[in-house]
Amino acid sequence: MEEFFDVLSDKGEYIDRVETREICHKDGLWHKAVAGFIINDKKQVLLQKRSEKKKLWPNMWDITFGGHVLAGEFGFEAITRECKEELGLDIDKKDLTFIGSSISTNIKGDIINRHFNEYYIANKNIDEKLLKLQPDEVSEVKWIDKEEIIKRIEKNYDGITDKEGCWKYLIKYYEWLDNK
């Protein structure tokens, strides 16, 4: 199924244009993306390992769930949809905490990904063995201790995707947790 995205100006404004994923990535058009982390009571973060079939960052450990915002969607709608698609897990808007936003440009091969990103946290204790992973997206999941993920981020994204904004917001959230 072909995906369509709202095209945005370089300031993040809707410009009444919709394009396919392919056109957005080929032409480097600005569009929206969401990223979500699930953190449990032990302050561990659930990471997903990207499928070997992924064009970007195959077989790399990544955020818990996330993806593109489809045309006509709000970020909170996209993040709940992505969680269900990738992990088989139903979350509700009330389960989510919006923690920030950023812009990013990733160029990998012939893909030019220009995003206005929204970041979300869901505080949940879940049994990862009960998740229904989407094989084309996710090959496995695992809980990672706070200290380990911070160390990986600080060591030039050791074994994880180099999605700088996502990881910076996760660290910022951990700092907030430690100081509240």
N, C-alpha and C. Protein backbone atom coordinates (compact mmCIF):
# COMPACT_ATOMS: atom_id res chain seq x y z
N MET A 1 0.84 -1.19 0.00
CA MET A 1 0.00 0.00 0.00
C MET A 1 0.88 1.25 0.00
N GLU A 2 0.63 2.11 -0.93
CA GLU A 2 1.42 3.33 -1.03
C GLU A 2 1.03 4.31 0.07
N GLU A 3 2.05 4.93 0.68
CA GLU A 3 1.81 5.91 1.75
C GLU A 3 1.90 7.32 1.18
N PHE A 4 1.05 8.19 1.70
CA PHE A 4 1.04 9.60 1.30
C PHE A 4 1.31 10.46 2.53
N PHE A 5 2.12 11.49 2.34
CA PHE A 5 2.49 12.39 3.43
C PHE A 5 2.09 13.83 3.09
N ASP A 6 1.74 14.59 4.14
CA ASP A 6 1.57 16.03 3.97
C ASP A 6 2.96 16.63 3.78
N VAL A 7 3.14 17.41 2.73
CA VAL A 7 4.41 18.10 2.50
C VAL A 7 4.36 19.41 3.27
N LEU A 8 5.48 19.73 3.92
CA LEU A 8 5.57 20.93 4.74
C LEU A 8 6.60 21.89 4.15
N SER A 9 6.48 23.16 4.51
CA SER A 9 7.52 24.12 4.15
C SER A 9 8.73 23.86 5.04
N ASP A 10 9.83 24.52 4.76
CA ASP A 10 11.02 24.34 5.60
C ASP A 10 10.83 24.93 7.00
N LYS A 11 9.71 25.59 7.24
CA LYS A 11 9.36 26.10 8.58
C LYS A 11 8.33 25.22 9.27
N GLY A 12 7.94 24.12 8.61
CA GLY A 12 7.00 23.19 9.21
C GLY A 12 5.54 23.51 8.96
N GLU A 13 5.28 24.41 8.05
CA GLU A 13 3.91 24.81 7.77
C GLU A 13 3.31 23.91 6.69
N TYR A 14 2.03 23.57 6.84
CA TYR A 14 1.32 22.82 5.81
C TYR A 14 1.19 23.71 4.58
N ILE A 15 1.45 23.13 3.42
CA ILE A 15 1.41 23.91 2.18
C ILE A 15 0.37 23.36 1.19
N ASP A 16 -0.62 22.62 1.71
CA ASP A 16 -1.69 22.07 0.88
C ASP A 16 -1.16 21.22 -0.27
N ARG A 17 -0.17 20.40 0.07
CA ARG A 17 0.41 19.47 -0.92
C ARG A 17 0.59 18.11 -0.26
N VAL A 18 0.23 17.08 -0.98
CA VAL A 18 0.40 15.71 -0.51
C VAL A 18 1.22 14.98 -1.57
N GLU A 19 2.21 14.19 -1.11
CA GLU A 19 3.03 13.41 -2.03
C GLU A 19 3.24 12.01 -1.47
N THR A 20 3.66 11.11 -2.33
CA THR A 20 3.97 9.76 -1.89
C THR A 20 5.27 9.74 -1.10
N ARG A 21 5.46 8.68 -0.32
CA ARG A 21 6.71 8.47 0.41
C ARG A 21 7.88 8.54 -0.58
N GLU A 22 7.71 7.86 -1.70
CA GLU A 22 8.80 7.79 -2.69
C GLU A 22 9.21 9.18 -3.17
N ILE A 23 8.24 10.01 -3.51
CA ILE A 23 8.55 11.37 -4.00
C ILE A 23 9.16 12.20 -2.88
N CYS A 24 8.61 12.12 -1.68
CA CYS A 24 9.16 12.88 -0.55
C CYS A 24 10.63 12.54 -0.33
N HIS A 25 10.95 11.26 -0.37
CA HIS A 25 12.33 10.82 -0.11
C HIS A 25 13.25 11.06 -1.30
N LYS A 26 12.72 10.97 -2.50
CA LYS A 26 13.54 11.21 -3.70
C LYS A 26 13.89 12.69 -3.82
N ASP A 27 12.88 13.55 -3.57
CA ASP A 27 13.06 14.99 -3.76
C ASP A 27 13.45 15.73 -2.47
N GLY A 28 13.54 15.02 -1.36
CA GLY A 28 13.91 15.67 -0.10
C GLY A 28 12.87 16.64 0.42
N LEU A 29 11.59 16.29 0.26
CA LEU A 29 10.51 17.16 0.73
C LEU A 29 10.31 17.00 2.23
N TRP A 30 10.05 18.11 2.91
CA TRP A 30 9.82 18.08 4.36
C TRP A 30 8.49 17.41 4.67
N HIS A 31 8.48 16.55 5.70
CA HIS A 31 7.27 15.87 6.16
C HIS A 31 7.46 15.52 7.64
N LYS A 32 6.41 14.94 8.25
CA LYS A 32 6.45 14.68 9.70
C LYS A 32 6.75 13.23 10.00
N ALA A 33 7.43 13.04 11.15
CA ALA A 33 7.72 11.70 11.67
C ALA A 33 7.51 11.73 13.18
N VAL A 34 7.32 10.54 13.74
CA VAL A 34 7.15 10.40 15.19
C VAL A 34 8.07 9.30 15.70
N ALA A 35 8.46 9.44 16.96
CA ALA A 35 9.31 8.45 17.61
C ALA A 35 8.81 8.25 19.02
N GLY A 36 8.72 6.99 19.43
CA GLY A 36 8.22 6.69 20.77
C GLY A 36 9.13 5.72 21.50
N PHE A 37 9.21 5.94 22.81
CA PHE A 37 9.95 5.04 23.70
C PHE A 37 9.00 4.51 24.75
N ILE A 38 9.14 3.23 25.07
CA ILE A 38 8.46 2.67 26.24
C ILE A 38 9.52 2.49 27.32
N ILE A 39 9.22 3.03 28.49
CA ILE A 39 10.12 2.93 29.64
C ILE A 39 9.35 2.27 30.76
N ASN A 40 9.99 1.28 31.42
CA ASN A 40 9.33 0.56 32.51
C ASN A 40 9.71 1.17 33.87
N ASP A 41 9.19 0.56 34.94
CA ASP A 41 9.44 1.07 36.30
C ASP A 41 10.90 0.99 36.72
N LYS A 42 11.69 0.14 36.05
CA LYS A 42 13.12 0.03 36.35
C LYS A 42 13.94 1.06 35.57
N LYS A 43 13.26 1.94 34.84
CA LYS A 43 13.86 2.95 33.97
C LYS A 43 14.57 2.33 32.78
N GLN A 44 14.22 1.09 32.45
CA GLN A 44 14.75 0.46 31.25
C GLN A 44 13.93 0.94 30.05
N VAL A 45 14.57 1.00 28.90
CA VAL A 45 13.89 1.37 27.68
C VAL A 45 13.80 0.14 26.78
N LEU A 46 12.65 -0.03 26.16
CA LEU A 46 12.46 -1.14 25.24
C LEU A 46 12.95 -0.69 23.86
N LEU A 47 13.90 -1.43 23.29
CA LEU A 47 14.41 -1.13 21.96
C LEU A 47 13.94 -2.18 20.98
N GLN A 48 13.81 -1.79 19.73
CA GLN A 48 13.51 -2.74 18.67
C GLN A 48 14.74 -2.87 17.79
N LYS A 49 14.94 -4.08 17.27
CA LYS A 49 15.97 -4.30 16.27
C LYS A 49 15.28 -4.24 14.91
N ARG A 50 15.76 -3.35 14.07
CA ARG A 50 15.15 -3.17 12.75
C ARG A 50 15.39 -4.40 11.89
N SER A 51 14.41 -4.72 11.09
CA SER A 51 14.49 -5.87 10.19
C SER A 51 15.64 -5.70 9.21
N GLU A 52 16.17 -6.81 8.77
CA GLU A 52 17.22 -6.77 7.74
C GLU A 52 16.68 -6.25 6.41
N LYS A 53 15.36 -6.21 6.25
CA LYS A 53 14.72 -5.75 5.01
C LYS A 53 14.61 -4.22 4.94
N LYS A 54 14.88 -3.52 6.04
CA LYS A 54 14.74 -2.06 6.07
C LYS A 54 15.80 -1.40 5.18
N LYS A 55 15.40 -0.36 4.46
CA LYS A 55 16.34 0.37 3.60
C LYS A 55 17.32 1.18 4.44
N LEU A 56 16.84 1.76 5.53
CA LEU A 56 17.69 2.56 6.40
C LEU A 56 17.95 1.80 7.70
N TRP A 57 19.17 1.76 8.13
CA TRP A 57 19.60 1.15 9.39
C TRP A 57 19.13 -0.30 9.55
N PRO A 58 19.30 -1.17 8.53
CA PRO A 58 18.88 -2.57 8.72
C PRO A 58 19.70 -3.23 9.83
N ASN A 59 19.05 -4.12 10.58
CA ASN A 59 19.69 -4.88 11.66
C ASN A 59 20.29 -4.03 12.77
N MET A 60 19.83 -2.80 12.92
CA MET A 60 20.34 -1.91 13.98
C MET A 60 19.28 -1.79 15.07
N TRP A 61 19.74 -1.61 16.31
CA TRP A 61 18.83 -1.34 17.42
C TRP A 61 18.35 0.09 17.31
N ASP A 62 17.07 0.30 17.66
CA ASP A 62 16.41 1.58 17.38
C ASP A 62 15.42 1.92 18.50
N ILE A 63 14.76 3.05 18.34
CA ILE A 63 13.69 3.48 19.24
C ILE A 63 12.67 2.36 19.39
N THR A 64 11.79 2.47 20.36
CA THR A 64 10.80 1.42 20.58
C THR A 64 9.86 1.28 19.39
N PHE A 65 9.34 2.40 18.89
CA PHE A 65 8.43 2.38 17.74
C PHE A 65 8.37 3.77 17.16
N GLY A 66 7.97 3.86 15.90
CA GLY A 66 7.85 5.17 15.28
C GLY A 66 7.75 5.05 13.79
N GLY A 67 7.63 6.20 13.15
CA GLY A 67 7.55 6.21 11.70
C GLY A 67 7.01 7.52 11.19
N HIS A 68 6.50 7.48 9.99
CA HIS A 68 5.99 8.68 9.34
C HIS A 68 4.56 8.99 9.75
N VAL A 69 4.23 10.27 9.71
CA VAL A 69 2.86 10.74 9.92
C VAL A 69 2.20 10.77 8.54
N LEU A 70 1.13 10.04 8.39
CA LEU A 70 0.43 9.99 7.11
C LEU A 70 -0.35 11.28 6.86
N ALA A 71 -0.65 11.54 5.61
CA ALA A 71 -1.42 12.73 5.24
C ALA A 71 -2.72 12.77 6.04
N GLY A 72 -2.99 13.91 6.65
CA GLY A 72 -4.21 14.09 7.42
C GLY A 72 -4.14 13.65 8.87
N GLU A 73 -3.05 13.02 9.27
CA GLU A 73 -2.91 12.54 10.65
C GLU A 73 -2.25 13.58 11.54
N PHE A 74 -2.54 13.50 12.83
CA PHE A 74 -1.78 14.22 13.85
C PHE A 74 -0.71 13.28 14.38
N GLY A 75 0.31 13.84 15.01
CA GLY A 75 1.40 13.04 15.53
C GLY A 75 0.95 11.96 16.51
N PHE A 76 0.03 12.30 17.43
CA PHE A 76 -0.40 11.31 18.42
C PHE A 76 -1.18 10.17 17.76
N GLU A 77 -1.85 10.45 16.64
CA GLU A 77 -2.52 9.38 15.90
C GLU A 77 -1.49 8.46 15.24
N ALA A 78 -0.47 9.06 14.67
CA ALA A 78 0.57 8.27 13.99
C ALA A 78 1.35 7.41 14.98
N ILE A 79 1.65 7.95 16.15
CA ILE A 79 2.46 7.18 17.10
C ILE A 79 1.67 5.99 17.65
N THR A 80 0.37 6.16 17.89
CA THR A 80 -0.42 5.02 18.36
C THR A 80 -0.58 3.98 17.25
N ARG A 81 -0.74 4.43 16.00
CA ARG A 81 -0.83 3.51 14.87
C ARG A 81 0.47 2.73 14.69
N GLU A 82 1.60 3.43 14.76
CA GLU A 82 2.90 2.78 14.59
C GLU A 82 3.16 1.75 15.68
N CYS A 83 2.77 2.04 16.91
CA CYS A 83 2.95 1.09 18.01
C CYS A 83 2.16 -0.19 17.74
N LYS A 84 0.93 -0.04 17.29
CA LYS A 84 0.10 -1.20 16.98
C LYS A 84 0.68 -1.99 15.80
N GLU A 85 1.09 -1.29 14.75
CA GLU A 85 1.63 -1.97 13.57
C GLU A 85 2.93 -2.70 13.88
N GLU A 86 3.87 -2.04 14.54
CA GLU A 86 5.20 -2.60 14.73
C GLU A 86 5.28 -3.62 15.86
N LEU A 87 4.51 -3.37 16.95
CA LEU A 87 4.63 -4.20 18.15
C LEU A 87 3.36 -4.98 18.49
N GLY A 88 2.26 -4.67 17.81
CA GLY A 88 1.00 -5.32 18.15
C GLY A 88 0.45 -4.83 19.48
N LEU A 89 0.89 -3.67 19.93
CA LEU A 89 0.53 -3.14 21.25
C LEU A 89 -0.39 -1.94 21.09
N ASP A 90 -1.55 -2.00 21.75
CA ASP A 90 -2.47 -0.87 21.77
C ASP A 90 -2.06 0.11 22.86
N ILE A 91 -1.81 1.34 22.45
CA ILE A 91 -1.62 2.41 23.43
C ILE A 91 -2.61 3.50 23.07
N ASP A 92 -2.94 4.29 24.04
CA ASP A 92 -3.91 5.35 23.88
C ASP A 92 -3.20 6.69 24.05
N LYS A 93 -3.80 7.73 23.53
CA LYS A 93 -3.24 9.08 23.67
C LYS A 93 -2.92 9.40 25.13
N LYS A 94 -3.77 8.94 26.05
CA LYS A 94 -3.55 9.23 27.48
C LYS A 94 -2.33 8.50 28.04
N ASP A 95 -1.86 7.45 27.35
CA ASP A 95 -0.66 6.72 27.78
C ASP A 95 0.63 7.43 27.39
N LEU A 96 0.52 8.45 26.55
CA LEU A 96 1.69 9.09 25.97
C LEU A 96 2.00 10.44 26.62
N THR A 97 3.28 10.71 26.74
CA THR A 97 3.75 12.02 27.15
C THR A 97 4.57 12.59 26.00
N PHE A 98 4.16 13.73 25.50
CA PHE A 98 4.92 14.43 24.46
C PHE A 98 6.13 15.06 25.13
N ILE A 99 7.34 14.76 24.63
CA ILE A 99 8.55 15.28 25.29
C ILE A 99 9.34 16.26 24.43
N GLY A 100 8.93 16.49 23.20
CA GLY A 100 9.64 17.48 22.41
C GLY A 100 9.57 17.24 20.93
N SER A 101 10.23 18.12 20.20
CA SER A 101 10.25 18.02 18.75
C SER A 101 11.58 18.54 18.22
N SER A 102 11.89 18.17 17.00
CA SER A 102 13.10 18.64 16.35
C SER A 102 12.93 18.51 14.85
N ILE A 103 13.91 19.02 14.12
CA ILE A 103 13.97 18.77 12.70
C ILE A 103 15.22 17.93 12.43
N SER A 104 15.18 17.15 11.36
CA SER A 104 16.35 16.34 11.02
C SER A 104 16.40 16.11 9.52
N THR A 105 17.61 15.92 9.04
CA THR A 105 17.84 15.52 7.66
C THR A 105 18.78 14.32 7.69
N ASN A 106 18.34 13.22 7.12
CA ASN A 106 19.17 12.03 6.97
C ASN A 106 19.25 11.71 5.49
N ILE A 107 20.46 11.61 4.99
CA ILE A 107 20.66 11.23 3.59
C ILE A 107 21.44 9.92 3.59
N LYS A 108 20.80 8.88 3.11
CA LYS A 108 21.41 7.55 3.02
C LYS A 108 21.15 7.03 1.62
N GLY A 109 22.19 6.93 0.82
CA GLY A 109 22.01 6.49 -0.56
C GLY A 109 21.13 7.46 -1.31
N ASP A 110 20.07 6.96 -1.93
CA ASP A 110 19.17 7.81 -2.72
C ASP A 110 17.96 8.29 -1.93
N ILE A 111 18.00 8.11 -0.59
CA ILE A 111 16.89 8.55 0.26
C ILE A 111 17.28 9.83 0.98
N ILE A 112 16.49 10.88 0.76
CA ILE A 112 16.68 12.16 1.46
C ILE A 112 15.49 12.32 2.39
N ASN A 113 15.71 12.10 3.68
CA ASN A 113 14.65 12.12 4.67
C ASN A 113 14.72 13.44 5.43
N ARG A 114 13.78 14.33 5.18
CA ARG A 114 13.71 15.62 5.90
C ARG A 114 12.46 15.60 6.76
N HIS A 115 12.68 15.58 8.07
CA HIS A 115 11.57 15.39 9.01
C HIS A 115 11.41 16.55 9.99
N PHE A 116 10.15 16.80 10.32
CA PHE A 116 9.78 17.50 11.54
C PHE A 116 9.34 16.38 12.47
N ASN A 117 10.11 16.15 13.52
CA ASN A 117 9.93 15.00 14.42
C ASN A 117 9.17 15.39 15.69
N GLU A 118 8.36 14.46 16.17
CA GLU A 118 7.72 14.57 17.48
C GLU A 118 8.14 13.35 18.28
N TYR A 119 8.46 13.57 19.58
CA TYR A 119 8.94 12.50 20.45
C TYR A 119 7.97 12.26 21.60
N TYR A 120 7.74 10.97 21.88
CA TYR A 120 6.77 10.57 22.90
C TYR A 120 7.38 9.49 23.80
N ILE A 121 6.91 9.48 25.05
CA ILE A 121 7.26 8.44 26.03
C ILE A 121 5.97 7.78 26.50
N ALA A 122 6.01 6.46 26.64
CA ALA A 122 4.93 5.71 27.29
C ALA A 122 5.57 4.96 28.45
N ASN A 123 5.13 5.24 29.65
CA ASN A 123 5.63 4.52 30.83
C ASN A 123 4.75 3.30 31.03
N LYS A 124 5.32 2.12 30.72
CA LYS A 124 4.55 0.87 30.79
C LYS A 124 5.46 -0.28 31.16
N ASN A 125 4.92 -1.17 31.97
CA ASN A 125 5.58 -2.45 32.24
C ASN A 125 4.89 -3.48 31.37
N ILE A 126 5.61 -3.98 30.37
CA ILE A 126 5.04 -4.96 29.47
C ILE A 126 5.98 -6.15 29.35
N ASP A 127 5.41 -7.28 29.05
CA ASP A 127 6.20 -8.48 28.79
C ASP A 127 6.50 -8.51 27.30
N GLU A 128 7.76 -8.27 26.95
CA GLU A 128 8.14 -8.17 25.54
C GLU A 128 7.89 -9.47 24.77
N LYS A 129 7.82 -10.59 25.48
CA LYS A 129 7.57 -11.87 24.81
C LYS A 129 6.14 -11.97 24.27
N LEU A 130 5.24 -11.13 24.77
CA LEU A 130 3.84 -11.15 24.33
C LEU A 130 3.56 -10.22 23.15
N LEU A 131 4.56 -9.46 22.73
CA LEU A 131 4.35 -8.54 21.62
C LEU A 131 4.28 -9.30 20.30
N LYS A 132 3.51 -8.76 19.37
CA LYS A 132 3.38 -9.36 18.03
C LYS A 132 4.13 -8.45 17.05
N LEU A 133 5.39 -8.80 16.79
CA LEU A 133 6.27 -7.96 15.98
C LEU A 133 5.92 -8.05 14.50
N GLN A 134 6.00 -6.93 13.82
CA GLN A 134 5.77 -6.85 12.39
C GLN A 134 7.08 -7.25 11.70
N PRO A 135 7.16 -8.44 11.10
CA PRO A 135 8.43 -8.98 10.60
C PRO A 135 9.16 -8.10 9.58
N ASP A 136 8.43 -7.36 8.75
CA ASP A 136 9.09 -6.49 7.77
C ASP A 136 9.73 -5.27 8.42
N GLU A 137 9.33 -4.98 9.65
CA GLU A 137 9.85 -3.80 10.36
C GLU A 137 10.80 -4.16 11.50
N VAL A 138 10.42 -5.16 12.30
CA VAL A 138 11.09 -5.44 13.56
C VAL A 138 11.47 -6.92 13.64
N SER A 139 12.75 -7.20 13.97
CA SER A 139 13.16 -8.60 14.10
C SER A 139 13.15 -9.08 15.55
N GLU A 140 13.37 -8.16 16.50
CA GLU A 140 13.31 -8.52 17.92
C GLU A 140 13.24 -7.25 18.76
N VAL A 141 12.92 -7.42 20.02
CA VAL A 141 12.91 -6.32 20.98
C VAL A 141 13.63 -6.78 22.25
N LYS A 142 14.14 -5.81 23.00
CA LYS A 142 14.74 -6.12 24.30
C LYS A 142 14.77 -4.88 25.18
N TRP A 143 14.73 -5.14 26.50
CA TRP A 143 14.86 -4.06 27.47
C TRP A 143 16.34 -3.75 27.68
N ILE A 144 16.67 -2.47 27.73
CA ILE A 144 18.05 -2.01 27.95
C ILE A 144 18.05 -1.10 29.17
N ASP A 145 19.02 -1.33 30.06
CA ASP A 145 19.16 -0.47 31.23
C ASP A 145 19.50 0.96 30.82
N LYS A 146 19.05 1.90 31.61
CA LYS A 146 19.29 3.32 31.37
C LYS A 146 20.78 3.60 31.16
N GLU A 147 21.61 3.08 32.02
CA GLU A 147 23.05 3.35 31.95
C GLU A 147 23.65 2.81 30.65
N GLU A 148 23.19 1.63 30.22
CA GLU A 148 23.72 1.04 28.99
C GLU A 148 23.34 1.85 27.76
N ILE A 149 22.09 2.29 27.66
CA ILE A 149 21.70 3.05 26.48
C ILE A 149 22.41 4.39 26.45
N ILE A 150 22.58 5.02 27.59
CA ILE A 150 23.30 6.30 27.62
C ILE A 150 24.76 6.09 27.18
N LYS A 151 25.37 5.01 27.63
CA LYS A 151 26.75 4.71 27.24
C LYS A 151 26.85 4.49 25.72
N ARG A 152 25.89 3.78 25.16
CA ARG A 152 25.90 3.54 23.70
C ARG A 152 25.74 4.85 22.93
N ILE A 153 24.87 5.71 23.41
CA ILE A 153 24.66 7.00 22.76
C ILE A 153 25.96 7.80 22.80
N GLU A 154 26.60 7.84 23.97
CA GLU A 154 27.84 8.61 24.14
C GLU A 154 29.01 8.02 23.36
N LYS A 155 28.95 6.71 23.06
CA LYS A 155 30.02 6.07 22.28
C LYS A 155 29.67 6.06 20.80
N ASN A 156 29.26 7.20 20.29
CA ASN A 156 28.96 7.37 18.87
C ASN A 156 27.90 6.37 18.38
N TYR A 157 26.86 6.19 19.19
CA TYR A 157 25.71 5.36 18.83
C TYR A 157 26.13 3.90 18.60
N ASP A 158 26.89 3.38 19.52
CA ASP A 158 27.41 2.02 19.46
C ASP A 158 26.29 0.98 19.35
N GLY A 159 26.13 0.42 18.15
CA GLY A 159 25.13 -0.63 17.92
C GLY A 159 23.70 -0.15 17.80
N ILE A 160 23.49 1.17 17.80
CA ILE A 160 22.14 1.72 17.66
C ILE A 160 22.13 2.70 16.49
N THR A 161 20.93 3.04 16.03
CA THR A 161 20.80 4.00 14.93
C THR A 161 21.37 5.35 15.34
N ASP A 162 21.81 6.11 14.37
CA ASP A 162 22.37 7.44 14.66
C ASP A 162 21.32 8.54 14.53
N LYS A 163 20.14 8.26 15.05
CA LYS A 163 19.05 9.25 15.04
C LYS A 163 19.25 10.19 16.23
N GLU A 164 20.10 11.15 16.04
CA GLU A 164 20.58 12.01 17.12
C GLU A 164 19.46 12.63 17.97
N GLY A 165 18.46 13.21 17.33
CA GLY A 165 17.39 13.87 18.07
C GLY A 165 16.64 12.92 18.99
N CYS A 166 16.33 11.74 18.50
CA CYS A 166 15.62 10.74 19.32
C CYS A 166 16.38 10.46 20.61
N TRP A 167 17.64 10.16 20.46
CA TRP A 167 18.44 9.76 21.62
C TRP A 167 18.68 10.93 22.57
N LYS A 168 18.85 12.14 22.03
CA LYS A 168 19.02 13.31 22.91
C LYS A 168 17.78 13.53 23.77
N TYR A 169 16.60 13.36 23.16
CA TYR A 169 15.37 13.53 23.94
C TYR A 169 15.20 12.42 24.97
N LEU A 170 15.64 11.21 24.66
CA LEU A 170 15.58 10.14 25.66
C LEU A 170 16.47 10.49 26.85
N ILE A 171 17.69 10.95 26.60
CA ILE A 171 18.58 11.35 27.70
C ILE A 171 17.96 12.49 28.50
N LYS A 172 17.40 13.47 27.80
CA LYS A 172 16.76 14.60 28.49
C LYS A 172 15.63 14.11 29.38
N TYR A 173 14.85 13.15 28.91
CA TYR A 173 13.77 12.60 29.71
C TYR A 173 14.32 11.88 30.94
N TYR A 174 15.37 11.09 30.76
CA TYR A 174 16.00 10.43 31.91
C TYR A 174 16.51 11.44 32.93
N GLU A 175 17.10 12.52 32.48
CA GLU A 175 17.57 13.59 33.39
C GLU A 175 16.41 14.18 34.16
N TRP A 176 15.30 14.40 33.47
CA TRP A 176 14.10 14.94 34.14
C TRP A 176 13.61 13.97 35.20
N LEU A 177 13.56 12.66 34.84
CA LEU A 177 13.13 11.65 35.82
C LEU A 177 13.99 11.64 37.07
N ASP A 178 15.30 11.77 36.86
CA ASP A 178 16.24 11.75 37.98
C ASP A 178 16.13 12.96 38.88
N ASN A 179 15.62 14.07 38.36
CA ASN A 179 15.56 15.31 39.12
C ASN A 179 14.18 15.68 39.62
N LYS A 180 13.18 14.83 39.34
CA LYS A 180 11.82 15.23 39.77
C LYS A 180 11.53 14.77 41.18
